[in-house]
Amino acid sequence: MSETQSKLWFSGVAFIPYAILAYGFNWLTKGSDHGLDTALIVVLGGRLVYGLIDNVTAATAWRLHDRKRAVDAFLKLINATARKPHRQPQILLELYR
């Protein structure tokens, strides 16, 4: 399954609790089909707005602060585990005569 299909699948599955929540609200308020549509739009719209705010905040934090910390941590790891280059012994050309 490609990454896009996977994201679409999880988005579709994540829709189920919101649909149940909207239907439950509509049932409790004894609303109409229009009320169910409105409840679905409000719940999914709220989730969309929350997701957008969360993604913008995470992207901004990454650009301003976390990228430098991640690069520093990776450089520290690379420098700590880097092997020193081995010197190759000089090949004695006399052995090939």
N, C-alpha and C. Protein backbone atom coordinates (compact mmCIF):
# COMPACT_ATOMS: atom_id res chain seq x y z
N MET A 1 0.85 -1.17 0.00
CA MET A 1 0.00 0.00 0.00
C MET A 1 0.90 1.24 0.00
N SER A 2 0.63 2.15 -0.89
CA SER A 2 1.45 3.35 -0.96
C SER A 2 1.16 4.27 0.22
N GLU A 3 2.02 5.25 0.40
CA GLU A 3 1.87 6.16 1.54
C GLU A 3 0.57 6.96 1.45
N THR A 4 0.22 7.40 0.25
CA THR A 4 -1.01 8.17 0.07
C THR A 4 -2.24 7.31 0.39
N GLN A 5 -2.24 6.07 -0.10
CA GLN A 5 -3.36 5.18 0.18
C GLN A 5 -3.47 4.91 1.68
N SER A 6 -2.33 4.75 2.33
CA SER A 6 -2.33 4.50 3.76
C SER A 6 -2.91 5.69 4.52
N LYS A 7 -2.50 6.91 4.14
CA LYS A 7 -3.04 8.09 4.81
C LYS A 7 -4.54 8.24 4.57
N LEU A 8 -4.97 7.96 3.34
CA LEU A 8 -6.40 8.03 3.05
C LEU A 8 -7.18 6.99 3.85
N TRP A 9 -6.63 5.80 3.97
CA TRP A 9 -7.28 4.73 4.73
C TRP A 9 -7.44 5.15 6.19
N PHE A 10 -6.37 5.66 6.81
CA PHE A 10 -6.46 6.07 8.21
C PHE A 10 -7.36 7.28 8.39
N SER A 11 -7.41 8.17 7.41
CA SER A 11 -8.34 9.29 7.48
C SER A 11 -9.78 8.80 7.44
N GLY A 12 -10.04 7.80 6.59
CA GLY A 12 -11.39 7.23 6.51
C GLY A 12 -11.78 6.53 7.79
N VAL A 13 -10.85 5.80 8.39
CA VAL A 13 -11.13 5.11 9.65
C VAL A 13 -11.33 6.13 10.76
N ALA A 14 -10.55 7.22 10.74
CA ALA A 14 -10.69 8.25 11.77
C ALA A 14 -12.02 8.99 11.66
N PHE A 15 -12.67 8.92 10.49
CA PHE A 15 -13.96 9.57 10.30
C PHE A 15 -15.06 8.87 11.10
N ILE A 16 -14.92 7.58 11.34
CA ILE A 16 -15.98 6.78 11.99
C ILE A 16 -16.35 7.33 13.37
N PRO A 17 -15.39 7.57 14.29
CA PRO A 17 -15.81 8.10 15.61
C PRO A 17 -16.49 9.46 15.52
N TYR A 18 -16.05 10.29 14.58
CA TYR A 18 -16.68 11.61 14.43
C TYR A 18 -18.10 11.48 13.90
N ALA A 19 -18.32 10.55 12.98
CA ALA A 19 -19.67 10.32 12.48
C ALA A 19 -20.57 9.79 13.59
N ILE A 20 -20.05 8.89 14.42
CA ILE A 20 -20.83 8.37 15.55
C ILE A 20 -21.14 9.48 16.54
N LEU A 21 -20.17 10.33 16.81
CA LEU A 21 -20.38 11.46 17.72
C LEU A 21 -21.45 12.41 17.17
N ALA A 22 -21.39 12.71 15.89
CA ALA A 22 -22.38 13.60 15.29
C ALA A 22 -23.76 12.96 15.30
N TYR A 23 -23.82 11.65 14.99
CA TYR A 23 -25.11 10.97 15.01
C TYR A 23 -25.69 10.93 16.42
N GLY A 24 -24.80 10.70 17.42
CA GLY A 24 -25.26 10.69 18.81
C GLY A 24 -25.79 12.05 19.24
N PHE A 25 -25.11 13.11 18.84
CA PHE A 25 -25.59 14.45 19.16
C PHE A 25 -26.94 14.71 18.50
N ASN A 26 -27.06 14.30 17.24
CA ASN A 26 -28.32 14.48 16.51
C ASN A 26 -29.45 13.68 17.17
N TRP A 27 -29.15 12.49 17.64
CA TRP A 27 -30.16 11.63 18.27
C TRP A 27 -30.58 12.23 19.61
N LEU A 28 -29.60 12.72 20.41
CA LEU A 28 -29.92 13.31 21.71
C LEU A 28 -30.77 14.57 21.58
N THR A 29 -30.51 15.35 20.55
CA THR A 29 -31.26 16.59 20.37
C THR A 29 -32.51 16.38 19.52
N LYS A 30 -32.76 15.13 19.13
CA LYS A 30 -33.90 14.78 18.28
C LYS A 30 -33.95 15.68 17.04
N GLY A 31 -32.77 15.78 16.40
CA GLY A 31 -32.63 16.65 15.25
C GLY A 31 -33.06 15.98 13.96
N SER A 32 -33.01 16.74 12.90
CA SER A 32 -33.39 16.26 11.57
C SER A 32 -32.13 15.86 10.79
N ASP A 33 -32.35 15.50 9.53
CA ASP A 33 -31.20 15.18 8.67
C ASP A 33 -30.30 16.40 8.48
N HIS A 34 -30.93 17.55 8.40
CA HIS A 34 -30.14 18.79 8.28
C HIS A 34 -29.29 19.00 9.53
N GLY A 35 -29.85 18.67 10.68
CA GLY A 35 -29.10 18.77 11.93
C GLY A 35 -27.92 17.82 11.95
N LEU A 36 -28.11 16.61 11.38
CA LEU A 36 -27.00 15.65 11.31
C LEU A 36 -25.90 16.17 10.39
N ASP A 37 -26.31 16.74 9.26
CA ASP A 37 -25.32 17.32 8.35
C ASP A 37 -24.54 18.44 9.03
N THR A 38 -25.26 19.28 9.75
CA THR A 38 -24.62 20.38 10.46
C THR A 38 -23.66 19.87 11.53
N ALA A 39 -24.10 18.86 12.27
CA ALA A 39 -23.24 18.28 13.31
C ALA A 39 -21.98 17.67 12.71
N LEU A 40 -22.12 16.96 11.58
CA LEU A 40 -20.95 16.38 10.91
C LEU A 40 -19.98 17.47 10.44
N ILE A 41 -20.53 18.53 9.88
CA ILE A 41 -19.68 19.62 9.39
C ILE A 41 -18.96 20.29 10.55
N VAL A 42 -19.66 20.52 11.65
CA VAL A 42 -19.04 21.17 12.80
C VAL A 42 -17.94 20.30 13.40
N VAL A 43 -18.23 19.01 13.58
CA VAL A 43 -17.24 18.11 14.19
C VAL A 43 -16.03 17.94 13.28
N LEU A 44 -16.25 17.67 12.01
CA LEU A 44 -15.14 17.48 11.08
C LEU A 44 -14.40 18.80 10.82
N GLY A 45 -15.13 19.90 10.77
CA GLY A 45 -14.48 21.20 10.60
C GLY A 45 -13.61 21.55 11.79
N GLY A 46 -14.10 21.26 12.98
CA GLY A 46 -13.29 21.49 14.18
C GLY A 46 -12.04 20.65 14.18
N ARG A 47 -12.18 19.40 13.74
CA ARG A 47 -11.00 18.51 13.66
C ARG A 47 -10.01 19.02 12.61
N LEU A 48 -10.52 19.50 11.51
CA LEU A 48 -9.66 20.04 10.45
C LEU A 48 -8.91 21.28 10.95
N VAL A 49 -9.61 22.18 11.63
CA VAL A 49 -8.97 23.39 12.16
C VAL A 49 -7.91 23.01 13.20
N TYR A 50 -8.23 22.06 14.07
CA TYR A 50 -7.25 21.60 15.06
C TYR A 50 -6.03 21.00 14.37
N GLY A 51 -6.24 20.18 13.35
CA GLY A 51 -5.13 19.58 12.62
C GLY A 51 -4.26 20.61 11.93
N LEU A 52 -4.89 21.62 11.34
CA LEU A 52 -4.12 22.68 10.69
C LEU A 52 -3.28 23.47 11.69
N ILE A 53 -3.87 23.82 12.82
CA ILE A 53 -3.14 24.55 13.85
C ILE A 53 -1.98 23.71 14.37
N ASP A 54 -2.23 22.43 14.60
CA ASP A 54 -1.20 21.53 15.11
C ASP A 54 -0.05 21.39 14.11
N ASN A 55 -0.35 21.23 12.84
CA ASN A 55 0.69 21.08 11.82
C ASN A 55 1.49 22.37 11.63
N VAL A 56 0.82 23.51 11.62
CA VAL A 56 1.54 24.78 11.47
C VAL A 56 2.45 25.01 12.67
N THR A 57 1.97 24.71 13.86
CA THR A 57 2.79 24.88 15.06
C THR A 57 3.99 23.95 15.03
N ALA A 58 3.78 22.68 14.65
CA ALA A 58 4.89 21.73 14.59
C ALA A 58 5.92 22.14 13.54
N ALA A 59 5.46 22.59 12.38
CA ALA A 59 6.39 23.02 11.32
C ALA A 59 7.19 24.24 11.76
N THR A 60 6.53 25.18 12.41
CA THR A 60 7.22 26.38 12.87
C THR A 60 8.25 26.03 13.95
N ALA A 61 7.87 25.18 14.87
CA ALA A 61 8.81 24.77 15.93
C ALA A 61 10.00 24.04 15.33
N TRP A 62 9.78 23.20 14.33
CA TRP A 62 10.87 22.49 13.68
C TRP A 62 11.82 23.48 13.02
N ARG A 63 11.26 24.44 12.29
CA ARG A 63 12.10 25.40 11.56
C ARG A 63 12.89 26.28 12.53
N LEU A 64 12.28 26.69 13.63
CA LEU A 64 12.93 27.63 14.53
C LEU A 64 13.85 26.98 15.55
N HIS A 65 13.53 25.77 16.00
CA HIS A 65 14.26 25.23 17.14
C HIS A 65 14.71 23.78 16.97
N ASP A 66 13.82 22.91 16.60
CA ASP A 66 14.10 21.47 16.65
C ASP A 66 15.09 21.00 15.59
N ARG A 67 15.15 21.66 14.44
CA ARG A 67 16.07 21.22 13.39
C ARG A 67 17.51 21.34 13.88
N LYS A 68 17.86 22.44 14.53
CA LYS A 68 19.21 22.62 15.05
C LYS A 68 19.55 21.56 16.08
N ARG A 69 18.61 21.27 16.97
CA ARG A 69 18.85 20.23 17.97
C ARG A 69 19.03 18.87 17.34
N ALA A 70 18.24 18.55 16.33
CA ALA A 70 18.35 17.25 15.66
C ALA A 70 19.67 17.12 14.92
N VAL A 71 20.08 18.17 14.22
CA VAL A 71 21.36 18.13 13.50
C VAL A 71 22.51 18.00 14.49
N ASP A 72 22.47 18.74 15.57
CA ASP A 72 23.52 18.64 16.59
C ASP A 72 23.60 17.24 17.19
N ALA A 73 22.43 16.63 17.45
CA ALA A 73 22.41 15.28 18.00
C ALA A 73 22.96 14.26 17.01
N PHE A 74 22.60 14.38 15.73
CA PHE A 74 23.12 13.46 14.73
C PHE A 74 24.63 13.63 14.55
N LEU A 75 25.12 14.88 14.54
CA LEU A 75 26.55 15.10 14.42
C LEU A 75 27.31 14.53 15.61
N LYS A 76 26.75 14.69 16.79
CA LYS A 76 27.37 14.13 17.99
C LYS A 76 27.43 12.61 17.90
N LEU A 77 26.35 12.00 17.44
CA LEU A 77 26.31 10.55 17.28
C LEU A 77 27.32 10.08 16.24
N ILE A 78 27.39 10.77 15.12
CA ILE A 78 28.32 10.39 14.06
C ILE A 78 29.76 10.53 14.55
N ASN A 79 30.06 11.62 15.23
CA ASN A 79 31.42 11.84 15.72
C ASN A 79 31.80 10.83 16.81
N ALA A 80 30.84 10.42 17.62
CA ALA A 80 31.13 9.46 18.68
C ALA A 80 31.36 8.05 18.14
N THR A 81 30.67 7.70 17.07
CA THR A 81 30.77 6.34 16.56
C THR A 81 31.61 6.22 15.30
N ALA A 82 32.14 7.32 14.83
CA ALA A 82 32.92 7.28 13.58
C ALA A 82 34.22 6.52 13.82
N ARG A 83 34.54 5.68 12.87
CA ARG A 83 35.79 4.93 12.95
C ARG A 83 36.90 5.79 12.35
N LYS A 84 38.04 5.68 12.96
CA LYS A 84 39.19 6.38 12.43
C LYS A 84 39.63 5.68 11.15
N PRO A 85 40.03 6.43 10.13
CA PRO A 85 40.46 5.77 8.90
C PRO A 85 41.74 4.97 9.14
N HIS A 86 41.75 3.76 8.62
CA HIS A 86 42.91 2.88 8.75
C HIS A 86 43.92 3.21 7.67
N ARG A 87 45.17 3.19 8.05
CA ARG A 87 46.21 3.41 7.07
C ARG A 87 46.53 2.08 6.39
N GLN A 88 46.59 2.14 5.11
CA GLN A 88 46.95 0.95 4.36
C GLN A 88 48.46 0.79 4.40
N PRO A 89 48.93 -0.42 4.63
CA PRO A 89 50.39 -0.61 4.62
C PRO A 89 50.95 -0.36 3.23
N GLN A 90 52.12 0.16 3.22
CA GLN A 90 52.77 0.41 1.94
C GLN A 90 53.04 -0.91 1.24
N ILE A 91 52.67 -0.95 0.00
CA ILE A 91 52.89 -2.17 -0.78
C ILE A 91 54.35 -2.15 -1.24
N LEU A 92 54.99 -3.21 -0.93
CA LEU A 92 56.39 -3.32 -1.33
C LEU A 92 56.46 -3.82 -2.77
N LEU A 93 56.92 -2.97 -3.64
CA LEU A 93 57.01 -3.35 -5.03
C LEU A 93 58.06 -4.43 -5.26
N GLU A 94 58.98 -4.58 -4.31
CA GLU A 94 60.02 -5.59 -4.45
C GLU A 94 59.45 -6.99 -4.45
N LEU A 95 58.28 -7.16 -3.82
CA LEU A 95 57.68 -8.49 -3.78
C LEU A 95 57.17 -8.94 -5.14
N TYR A 96 56.94 -8.00 -6.05
CA TYR A 96 56.39 -8.33 -7.36
C TYR A 96 57.45 -8.53 -8.41
N ARG A 97 58.73 -8.42 -8.10
CA ARG A 97 59.80 -8.60 -9.09
C ARG A 97 60.05 -10.05 -9.39
